[in-house]
Amino acid sequence: IMETQAEVCRALAALDPGASFAVDSWERKEGGGGISCVLQDGDVFEKAGVNVSVVSGLLSEEAARQMRSRGKSLKAKDGKLPFCAMGVSSVIHPKNPHVPTMHFNYRYFEIEEADGTKQWWFGGGTDLTPTYLNEEDAVHFHKTLKEACDKHDVKLYPKYKKWCDDYFYIKHRGERRGIGGIFFDDMDSPSKEEVFQFVKSCAKAVVPCYIPIVKKHCHDSFTPEEKLWQQLRRGRYVEFNLVYDRGTKFGLLTPGSRIESILMSLPLTARWEYMHNPPESSKEAEILEVLRNPKDWVH
């Protein structure tokens, strides 16, 4: 996970040489800690954070309830469930509205049940949230992720692409947060080593699926109206993260968790306007159509 963090930070720093990452090591008194690397107010990135955490302790009752609601039969001993969790996560919010926001997260979870047996699983994914639709970029992003999945099993990409579209759904808006990517959780077969190799392939695909898109558009010209639309779309990003996101909810429910690192995913700026509807056939309406009706980008 630290290798992934370093690789992504290096790639971002190379594109925004005038800015520097604030590197912040932290410890959690209940067990574990992490390293947060955050770049703010650069020329290319308004806010880019890459976070690593390794935490352990006892699962809170609310967090256990959340997991049981996903079908996990967790047998606690005297109401206690020891756990350890580790992962790398990142959200990148660029300044230019023609450069999409990108998020990725890869994590491992282990829980010890009352009889001493351990349940383990991996989860994660990588997804793209453009302000404006560029079909070529969407195809490049999805193809790169598909290639990473196909090395392991050709059934994985279609399954995890659909899961991503379903997961990043803002129910109260009737639209997805972005144009998707891959998402999976509770992955515990065929074996720990095989799943780990798959997760490593996905993490390795982060830089090649995203950095070429940033390079291509970071110097595009844009209008104040396009910047305004970016701000409104970021409002949707915030809505999803605070209302639905599993990782954010788990973090907020875990005693002693580091709030600054959990809320690192939120953009520096966002906007909500009352009853804002873009004109029909506009570039803004085009992206909304794709967010309401996800597309297959690779066939």
Protein backbone atom coordinates (compact mmCIF):
# COMPACT_ATOMS: atom_id res chain seq x y z
CA ILE A 1 0.00 0.00 0.00
CA MET A 2 2.90 2.36 0.69
CA GLU A 3 4.37 1.51 -2.71
CA THR A 4 1.06 2.50 -4.35
CA GLN A 5 0.95 5.72 -2.33
CA ALA A 6 4.50 6.66 -3.37
CA GLU A 7 3.89 5.79 -7.03
CA VAL A 8 0.71 7.90 -7.26
CA CYS A 9 2.23 10.84 -5.35
CA ARG A 10 5.27 10.83 -7.66
CA ALA A 11 3.04 10.87 -10.76
CA LEU A 12 0.92 13.74 -9.40
CA ALA A 13 3.92 15.78 -8.25
CA ALA A 14 5.49 15.48 -11.71
CA LEU A 15 2.39 17.13 -13.23
CA ASP A 16 2.18 19.92 -10.65
CA PRO A 17 5.82 20.81 -9.88
CA GLY A 18 4.96 24.15 -8.26
CA ALA A 19 2.97 22.47 -5.49
CA SER A 20 4.15 20.14 -2.76
CA PHE A 21 2.53 17.42 -0.70
CA ALA A 22 2.00 17.97 3.01
CA VAL A 23 2.99 14.61 4.53
CA ASP A 24 1.36 13.83 7.80
CA SER A 25 2.02 10.70 9.91
CA TRP A 26 -0.56 9.97 12.55
CA GLU A 27 -1.21 7.41 15.24
CA ARG A 28 -4.45 6.09 16.66
CA LYS A 29 -4.42 5.41 20.38
CA GLU A 30 -6.74 2.40 19.93
CA GLY A 31 -4.16 0.81 17.60
CA GLY A 32 -2.37 1.58 14.36
CA GLY A 33 -2.00 4.75 12.34
CA GLY A 34 -1.29 6.03 8.89
CA ILE A 35 0.29 8.52 6.54
CA SER A 36 -1.71 11.19 4.72
CA CYS A 37 -0.19 13.02 1.73
CA VAL A 38 -2.25 16.02 0.62
CA LEU A 39 -1.52 18.59 -2.07
CA GLN A 40 -3.69 21.72 -2.03
CA ASP A 41 -4.03 24.73 -4.32
CA GLY A 42 -1.57 23.63 -6.97
CA ASP A 43 -1.62 24.83 -10.58
CA VAL A 44 -3.11 21.55 -11.82
CA PHE A 45 -4.72 20.03 -8.71
CA GLU A 46 -7.02 21.95 -6.42
CA LYS A 47 -6.81 19.11 -3.90
CA ALA A 48 -5.19 15.70 -4.22
CA GLY A 49 -4.91 13.35 -1.29
CA VAL A 50 -3.36 9.88 -1.04
CA ASN A 51 -3.86 8.17 2.28
CA VAL A 52 -2.48 4.97 3.81
CA SER A 53 -3.85 3.53 7.03
CA VAL A 54 -3.26 0.40 9.08
CA VAL A 55 -5.61 0.24 12.05
CA SER A 56 -6.61 -2.42 14.57
CA GLY A 57 -8.73 -2.71 17.67
CA LEU A 58 -12.31 -3.61 18.45
CA LEU A 59 -15.07 -3.11 15.92
CA SER A 60 -17.74 -0.63 17.05
CA GLU A 61 -21.29 -1.97 17.36
CA GLU A 62 -22.47 0.31 14.52
CA ALA A 63 -19.65 -0.84 12.21
CA ALA A 64 -20.45 -4.50 12.99
CA ARG A 65 -24.13 -3.81 12.25
CA GLN A 66 -23.18 -2.28 8.90
CA MET A 67 -21.18 -5.42 8.01
CA ARG A 68 -23.90 -7.81 9.14
CA SER A 69 -26.34 -5.94 6.90
CA ARG A 70 -24.10 -7.05 3.99
CA GLY A 71 -24.60 -10.69 5.00
CA LYS A 72 -21.58 -11.25 7.28
CA SER A 73 -22.25 -13.58 10.21
CA LEU A 74 -19.93 -12.07 12.80
CA LYS A 75 -19.96 -13.98 16.10
CA ALA A 76 -18.71 -11.67 18.84
CA LYS A 77 -17.12 -12.75 22.13
CA ASP A 78 -18.67 -10.75 25.00
CA GLY A 79 -19.84 -8.27 22.38
CA LYS A 80 -16.25 -7.71 21.18
CA LEU A 81 -14.90 -8.23 17.66
CA PRO A 82 -11.16 -7.67 17.20
CA PHE A 83 -10.32 -6.39 13.71
CA CYS A 84 -7.47 -5.11 11.61
CA ALA A 85 -7.87 -3.09 8.44
CA MET A 86 -5.36 -1.60 6.05
CA GLY A 87 -5.63 0.23 2.79
CA VAL A 88 -4.64 2.98 0.43
CA SER A 89 -7.17 5.51 -0.80
CA SER A 90 -7.06 8.64 -2.89
CA VAL A 91 -9.26 11.36 -4.32
CA ILE A 92 -7.91 13.83 -6.87
CA HIS A 93 -9.84 17.04 -7.62
CA PRO A 94 -8.21 18.99 -10.48
CA LYS A 95 -8.67 22.72 -11.09
CA ASN A 96 -9.55 22.50 -14.77
CA PRO A 97 -13.17 21.39 -15.40
CA HIS A 98 -11.96 19.41 -18.45
CA VAL A 99 -9.86 17.16 -16.20
CA PRO A 100 -12.00 14.59 -14.36
CA THR A 101 -11.90 13.83 -10.65
CA MET A 102 -10.55 10.35 -9.86
CA HIS A 103 -10.93 8.16 -6.81
CA PHE A 104 -9.36 4.83 -5.91
CA ASN A 105 -9.26 2.70 -2.79
CA TYR A 106 -7.83 -0.76 -2.13
CA ARG A 107 -8.15 -2.36 1.28
CA TYR A 108 -7.82 -5.55 3.31
CA PHE A 109 -9.97 -6.43 6.32
CA GLU A 110 -9.68 -9.16 8.94
CA ILE A 111 -11.99 -9.97 11.85
CA GLU A 112 -11.49 -12.51 14.63
CA GLU A 113 -14.67 -14.24 15.72
CA ALA A 114 -15.57 -15.66 19.14
CA ASP A 115 -14.17 -19.14 18.34
CA GLY A 116 -10.84 -17.71 17.11
CA THR A 117 -11.55 -18.19 13.40
CA LYS A 118 -10.60 -15.27 11.19
CA GLN A 119 -12.74 -13.82 8.43
CA TRP A 120 -10.79 -11.87 5.81
CA TRP A 121 -11.64 -10.05 2.61
CA PHE A 122 -10.39 -7.48 0.15
CA GLY A 123 -12.33 -4.59 -1.34
CA GLY A 124 -11.76 -1.55 -3.48
CA GLY A 125 -12.01 0.01 -6.89
CA THR A 126 -11.09 2.91 -9.15
CA ASP A 127 -13.62 5.31 -10.67
CA LEU A 128 -13.76 8.51 -12.73
CA THR A 129 -15.98 11.57 -12.29
CA PRO A 130 -15.77 13.96 -15.24
CA THR A 131 -17.47 17.36 -15.29
CA TYR A 132 -17.80 17.07 -19.08
CA LEU A 133 -17.95 13.88 -21.10
CA ASN A 134 -15.00 12.98 -23.30
CA GLU A 135 -15.71 9.58 -24.84
CA GLU A 136 -12.08 8.92 -25.76
CA ASP A 137 -11.03 9.44 -22.12
CA ALA A 138 -13.85 7.21 -20.85
CA VAL A 139 -12.80 4.40 -23.21
CA HIS A 140 -9.11 4.75 -22.23
CA PHE A 141 -9.95 4.67 -18.50
CA HIS A 142 -12.24 1.64 -18.72
CA LYS A 143 -9.99 -0.28 -21.15
CA THR A 144 -7.00 0.12 -18.84
CA LEU A 145 -8.99 -1.23 -15.89
CA LYS A 146 -10.41 -4.05 -18.01
CA GLU A 147 -6.89 -5.12 -19.04
CA ALA A 148 -5.86 -5.26 -15.35
CA CYS A 149 -8.91 -7.42 -14.53
CA ASP A 150 -8.58 -9.67 -17.61
CA LYS A 151 -5.10 -10.83 -16.51
CA HIS A 152 -6.89 -12.70 -13.73
CA ASP A 153 -10.33 -13.58 -15.09
CA VAL A 154 -12.28 -12.12 -18.01
CA LYS A 155 -15.50 -12.33 -15.96
CA LEU A 156 -14.24 -9.79 -13.40
CA TYR A 157 -14.40 -6.53 -15.35
CA PRO A 158 -18.09 -6.75 -16.44
CA LYS A 159 -19.10 -7.84 -12.93
CA TYR A 160 -17.14 -5.10 -11.13
CA LYS A 161 -18.04 -2.43 -13.70
CA LYS A 162 -21.73 -3.07 -13.02
CA TRP A 163 -21.10 -3.14 -9.26
CA CYS A 164 -19.36 0.25 -9.58
CA ASP A 165 -22.32 1.78 -11.47
CA ASP A 166 -24.70 0.41 -8.82
CA TYR A 167 -22.55 1.40 -5.83
CA PHE A 168 -21.88 5.03 -6.83
CA TYR A 169 -25.58 5.74 -7.26
CA ILE A 170 -26.92 8.93 -5.66
CA LYS A 171 -30.39 7.59 -4.98
CA HIS A 172 -32.00 10.92 -4.06
CA ARG A 173 -30.75 12.43 -7.38
CA GLY A 174 -31.36 9.42 -9.64
CA GLU A 175 -27.85 9.61 -11.07
CA ARG A 176 -24.40 8.09 -10.63
CA ARG A 177 -21.56 10.03 -9.09
CA GLY A 178 -19.45 9.56 -12.23
CA ILE A 179 -18.88 7.32 -15.25
CA GLY A 180 -17.74 4.43 -13.07
CA GLY A 181 -14.81 2.09 -13.35
CA ILE A 182 -14.59 -0.97 -11.11
CA PHE A 183 -15.75 -1.63 -7.55
CA PHE A 184 -15.79 -4.80 -5.44
CA ASP A 185 -16.06 -5.74 -1.78
CA ASP A 186 -16.03 -8.86 0.43
CA MET A 187 -13.71 -10.62 -2.06
CA ASP A 188 -12.38 -13.74 -0.30
CA SER A 189 -11.89 -16.36 -3.00
CA PRO A 190 -10.29 -18.25 -4.75
CA SER A 191 -7.41 -17.78 -2.23
CA LYS A 192 -5.86 -14.94 -0.26
CA GLU A 193 -2.75 -14.87 -2.49
CA GLU A 194 -4.76 -14.86 -5.73
CA VAL A 195 -7.06 -12.07 -4.55
CA PHE A 196 -4.01 -10.09 -3.38
CA GLN A 197 -2.40 -10.44 -6.82
CA PHE A 198 -5.63 -9.20 -8.44
CA VAL A 199 -5.79 -6.19 -6.09
CA LYS A 200 -2.12 -5.41 -6.87
CA SER A 201 -2.89 -5.44 -10.62
CA CYS A 202 -5.78 -3.00 -10.06
CA ALA A 203 -3.59 -0.67 -7.96
CA LYS A 204 -0.87 -0.77 -10.65
CA ALA A 205 -3.46 0.37 -13.23
CA VAL A 206 -4.25 3.62 -11.37
CA VAL A 207 -1.44 5.75 -12.86
CA PRO A 208 -1.82 4.54 -16.49
CA CYS A 209 -5.63 4.83 -16.47
CA TYR A 210 -5.68 8.42 -15.17
CA ILE A 211 -2.42 10.37 -15.61
CA PRO A 212 -2.58 10.45 -19.46
CA ILE A 213 -6.06 12.07 -19.19
CA VAL A 214 -4.69 14.77 -16.84
CA LYS A 215 -1.75 15.45 -19.17
CA LYS A 216 -4.07 15.73 -22.15
CA HIS A 217 -6.45 18.31 -20.63
CA CYS A 218 -4.69 20.21 -17.82
CA HIS A 219 -3.92 23.15 -20.13
CA ASP A 220 -7.33 23.23 -21.89
CA SER A 221 -8.99 26.65 -21.80
CA PHE A 222 -12.30 26.92 -19.93
CA THR A 223 -15.01 29.51 -19.32
CA PRO A 224 -16.44 30.78 -15.99
CA GLU A 225 -19.66 28.88 -16.87
CA GLU A 226 -17.72 25.62 -17.19
CA LYS A 227 -16.03 26.26 -13.82
CA LEU A 228 -19.48 26.87 -12.29
CA TRP A 229 -20.75 23.52 -13.64
CA GLN A 230 -17.69 21.81 -12.12
CA GLN A 231 -18.60 23.33 -8.74
CA LEU A 232 -22.18 22.08 -9.01
CA ARG A 233 -21.01 18.56 -9.95
CA ARG A 234 -18.67 18.60 -6.96
CA GLY A 235 -21.71 19.26 -4.80
CA ARG A 236 -23.03 15.88 -5.98
CA TYR A 237 -19.67 14.31 -5.09
CA VAL A 238 -20.02 15.61 -1.54
CA GLU A 239 -23.61 14.35 -1.31
CA PHE A 240 -22.60 10.80 -2.24
CA ASN A 241 -19.59 10.71 0.09
CA LEU A 242 -21.40 11.97 3.15
CA VAL A 243 -24.71 10.15 2.64
CA TYR A 244 -23.83 6.79 1.07
CA ASP A 245 -20.11 6.00 0.97
CA ARG A 246 -19.27 2.84 2.91
CA GLY A 247 -15.67 3.83 3.73
CA THR A 248 -16.64 7.29 4.99
CA LYS A 249 -19.41 5.82 7.14
CA PHE A 250 -17.12 3.11 8.54
CA GLY A 251 -14.46 5.72 9.35
CA LEU A 252 -16.91 8.01 11.10
CA LEU A 253 -18.24 5.06 13.15
CA THR A 254 -14.77 3.84 14.23
CA PRO A 255 -13.61 5.17 17.61
CA GLY A 256 -10.40 7.19 17.43
CA SER A 257 -10.43 7.44 13.65
CA ARG A 258 -8.76 10.43 12.02
CA ILE A 259 -11.53 12.68 10.70
CA GLU A 260 -9.18 14.86 8.61
CA SER A 261 -8.02 11.80 6.66
CA ILE A 262 -11.56 10.45 6.22
CA LEU A 263 -12.86 13.78 4.88
CA MET A 264 -9.79 14.26 2.66
CA SER A 265 -12.03 13.05 -0.19
CA LEU A 266 -14.11 16.23 -0.12
CA PRO A 267 -13.23 18.96 -2.64
CA LEU A 268 -11.78 22.29 -1.56
CA THR A 269 -14.78 24.07 -3.09
CA ALA A 270 -18.28 23.03 -4.20
CA ARG A 271 -21.59 24.72 -4.87
CA TRP A 272 -25.32 24.12 -4.52
CA GLU A 273 -27.79 26.21 -6.52
CA TYR A 274 -31.53 26.02 -6.13
CA MET A 275 -33.27 24.25 -9.07
CA HIS A 276 -30.34 24.33 -11.46
CA ASN A 277 -31.19 22.58 -14.75
CA PRO A 278 -28.87 22.73 -17.75
CA PRO A 279 -30.41 23.46 -21.18
CA GLU A 280 -31.34 20.49 -23.36
CA SER A 281 -28.68 19.35 -25.86
CA SER A 282 -25.96 21.22 -23.91
CA LYS A 283 -22.61 19.66 -22.92
CA GLU A 284 -23.90 19.70 -19.34
CA ALA A 285 -27.04 17.77 -20.32
CA GLU A 286 -24.84 15.24 -22.19
CA ILE A 287 -22.95 14.17 -19.06
CA LEU A 288 -26.19 13.99 -17.05
CA GLU A 289 -27.61 11.54 -19.59
CA VAL A 290 -24.64 9.19 -19.09
CA LEU A 291 -24.87 9.51 -15.29
CA ARG A 292 -28.55 8.53 -15.44
CA ASN A 293 -28.00 5.71 -17.97
CA PRO A 294 -24.52 4.16 -17.65
CA LYS A 295 -22.80 3.07 -20.85
CA ASP A 296 -20.61 0.15 -21.84
CA TRP A 297 -17.31 1.83 -22.77
CA VAL A 298 -15.27 -1.13 -23.96
CA HIS A 299 -17.38 -3.10 -26.46
